[in-house]
Amino acid sequence: MSEKKIKNSLVEGPITPEKIATSIAHHQVKTNIGGHDIFLGQVRADVIDGKTVTAIEYSAYDEMANKVFDEIREAAFDKFDLTCGHIYHSIGIVKAGELCLFVFTSSKHRAMAFDATRYITEEIKAKVPVFGKEIFDDETHQWKVNN
């Protein structure tokens, strides 16, 4: 028996609007879907101790993080009547205002997609070993260009 291939849910840099649009477009051929739901996590420009967050640098042990993402996705399929479920989380530098998390679910009926998206998002926050280091406006930093 072959080992299941675990999907890579980690994206270098911010999640682009183009990636989201392409994901949505790819689902138009799946005519058994009646509803989609999306959660988008965005980096906030929080003020902490008088300093403004300008970015977050995300890091992860890729293999472990992807394993937990996969377990969460599989649990959502067991718990909800999903047609599709996708998770993407940024690693590397994501500036304030940019997207760092994209959860996209599809099902025959909207209620299942809504419930699954919330479940997946909460499970990610509680269980996935992705770490964020805040970068503040008073720090000099060489921004990495994300293509």
Protein backbone atom coordinates (compact mmCIF):
# COMPACT_ATOMS: atom_id res chain seq x y z
CA MET A 1 0.00 0.00 0.00
CA SER A 2 1.46 3.37 -0.96
CA GLU A 3 1.75 6.20 1.49
CA LYS A 4 -0.69 9.09 1.05
CA LYS A 5 0.95 12.19 -0.43
CA ILE A 6 0.41 15.19 1.83
CA LYS A 7 -0.40 18.42 0.02
CA ASN A 8 1.83 21.45 0.59
CA SER A 9 -0.32 24.13 2.22
CA LEU A 10 2.54 26.58 2.72
CA VAL A 11 2.96 29.53 0.36
CA GLU A 12 6.09 31.68 0.28
CA GLY A 13 5.11 35.29 0.97
CA PRO A 14 1.60 36.74 0.91
CA ILE A 15 -1.39 34.98 -0.61
CA THR A 16 -2.28 36.97 -3.69
CA PRO A 17 -5.74 37.94 -4.89
CA GLU A 18 -4.81 36.17 -8.16
CA LYS A 19 -4.31 32.87 -6.29
CA ILE A 20 -7.74 33.25 -4.70
CA ALA A 21 -9.39 34.13 -8.02
CA THR A 22 -7.74 31.17 -9.77
CA SER A 23 -8.89 28.80 -7.02
CA ILE A 24 -12.45 30.01 -7.37
CA ALA A 25 -12.33 29.78 -11.18
CA HIS A 26 -11.10 26.17 -11.06
CA HIS A 27 -14.27 25.17 -9.21
CA GLN A 28 -16.69 26.36 -11.91
CA VAL A 29 -16.47 22.99 -13.66
CA LYS A 30 -17.62 21.17 -10.49
CA THR A 31 -21.36 21.45 -11.04
CA ASN A 32 -22.28 19.42 -7.93
CA ILE A 33 -21.19 22.33 -5.73
CA GLY A 34 -23.95 24.63 -4.48
CA GLY A 35 -21.97 26.80 -2.08
CA HIS A 36 -18.47 28.02 -1.31
CA ASP A 37 -17.12 29.75 1.76
CA ILE A 38 -13.81 31.55 2.19
CA PHE A 39 -11.88 32.84 5.17
CA LEU A 40 -9.01 35.26 4.52
CA GLY A 41 -6.56 36.08 7.29
CA GLN A 42 -4.80 39.43 6.94
CA VAL A 43 -1.81 40.87 8.79
CA ARG A 44 -2.91 43.74 11.02
CA ALA A 45 -0.88 46.87 11.74
CA ASP A 46 -1.34 46.43 15.49
CA VAL A 47 0.28 48.92 17.86
CA ILE A 48 2.17 47.14 20.63
CA ASP A 49 4.06 49.14 23.26
CA GLY A 50 3.85 52.21 21.04
CA LYS A 51 5.32 50.45 17.99
CA THR A 52 3.37 49.56 14.86
CA VAL A 53 3.55 46.12 13.30
CA THR A 54 4.60 46.55 9.66
CA ALA A 55 4.86 42.84 8.83
CA ILE A 56 4.97 39.35 10.26
CA GLU A 57 7.66 36.86 9.38
CA TYR A 58 6.11 33.38 9.44
CA SER A 59 8.14 30.23 9.88
CA ALA A 60 7.28 26.55 10.18
CA TYR A 61 8.77 23.12 10.19
CA ASP A 62 7.20 22.42 6.79
CA GLU A 63 6.72 18.66 7.07
CA MET A 64 5.10 18.86 10.50
CA ALA A 65 2.89 21.85 9.62
CA ASN A 66 1.70 20.20 6.39
CA LYS A 67 0.88 17.01 8.29
CA VAL A 68 -1.31 18.95 10.74
CA PHE A 69 -2.97 20.92 7.91
CA ASP A 70 -3.75 17.57 6.24
CA GLU A 71 -5.19 16.12 9.46
CA ILE A 72 -7.42 19.18 9.90
CA ARG A 73 -8.60 19.00 6.28
CA GLU A 74 -9.35 15.26 6.58
CA ALA A 75 -11.23 15.79 9.86
CA ALA A 76 -13.33 18.48 8.16
CA PHE A 77 -14.23 16.05 5.36
CA ASP A 78 -15.26 13.47 7.99
CA LYS A 79 -17.29 15.99 9.97
CA PHE A 80 -18.95 17.96 7.14
CA ASP A 81 -20.35 17.01 3.75
CA LEU A 82 -17.64 18.77 1.72
CA THR A 83 -16.90 18.56 -1.97
CA CYS A 84 -13.59 20.45 -1.70
CA GLY A 85 -11.44 21.93 1.03
CA HIS A 86 -8.28 23.97 0.56
CA ILE A 87 -5.88 25.55 3.05
CA TYR A 88 -3.00 27.90 2.27
CA HIS A 89 -0.84 29.63 4.90
CA SER A 90 2.04 32.01 4.26
CA ILE A 91 5.61 31.52 5.33
CA GLY A 92 8.21 34.24 5.06
CA ILE A 93 7.43 37.94 5.29
CA VAL A 94 3.88 39.21 4.90
CA LYS A 95 3.37 42.97 5.20
CA ALA A 96 0.49 44.60 7.07
CA GLY A 97 -2.58 44.55 4.85
CA GLU A 98 -1.48 41.46 2.94
CA LEU A 99 -3.13 38.05 3.25
CA CYS A 100 -1.50 35.22 5.21
CA LEU A 101 -4.27 32.58 5.39
CA PHE A 102 -6.75 31.30 2.80
CA VAL A 103 -9.33 28.67 3.73
CA PHE A 104 -11.72 27.70 0.93
CA THR A 105 -14.48 25.11 1.29
CA SER A 106 -17.14 23.88 -1.10
CA SER A 107 -20.18 21.69 -0.58
CA LYS A 108 -23.53 20.82 -2.05
CA HIS A 109 -25.19 23.24 0.40
CA ARG A 110 -23.88 26.51 1.86
CA ALA A 111 -24.38 25.66 5.54
CA MET A 112 -21.80 22.87 5.41
CA ALA A 113 -19.28 25.15 3.70
CA PHE A 114 -19.85 27.87 6.34
CA ASP A 115 -19.47 25.44 9.24
CA ALA A 116 -16.43 23.69 7.75
CA THR A 117 -14.59 26.96 7.10
CA ARG A 118 -15.05 28.08 10.70
CA TYR A 119 -13.99 24.66 12.00
CA ILE A 120 -10.85 24.56 9.83
CA THR A 121 -9.87 28.13 10.70
CA GLU A 122 -10.22 27.54 14.46
CA GLU A 123 -8.32 24.24 14.26
CA ILE A 124 -5.47 25.91 12.37
CA LYS A 125 -5.15 28.59 15.04
CA ALA A 126 -5.16 25.99 17.83
CA LYS A 127 -2.99 23.24 16.34
CA VAL A 128 -0.74 24.14 13.41
CA PRO A 129 2.92 24.83 14.24
CA VAL A 130 3.31 27.99 12.18
CA PHE A 131 5.01 30.79 14.07
CA GLY A 132 4.88 34.53 13.46
CA LYS A 133 7.48 37.10 14.47
CA GLU A 134 6.21 40.66 14.38
CA ILE A 135 8.34 43.22 12.59
CA PHE A 136 7.86 46.76 13.86
CA ASP A 137 8.13 50.18 12.23
CA ASP A 138 11.24 51.04 14.26
CA GLU A 139 13.22 48.06 12.91
CA THR A 140 15.37 48.27 9.86
CA HIS A 141 14.64 45.29 7.68
CA GLN A 142 15.54 44.21 4.18
CA TRP A 143 12.20 43.33 2.60
CA LYS A 144 12.31 40.16 0.60
CA VAL A 145 10.66 40.64 -2.77
CA ASN A 146 7.82 38.12 -3.26
CA ASN A 147 7.09 37.30 -6.87
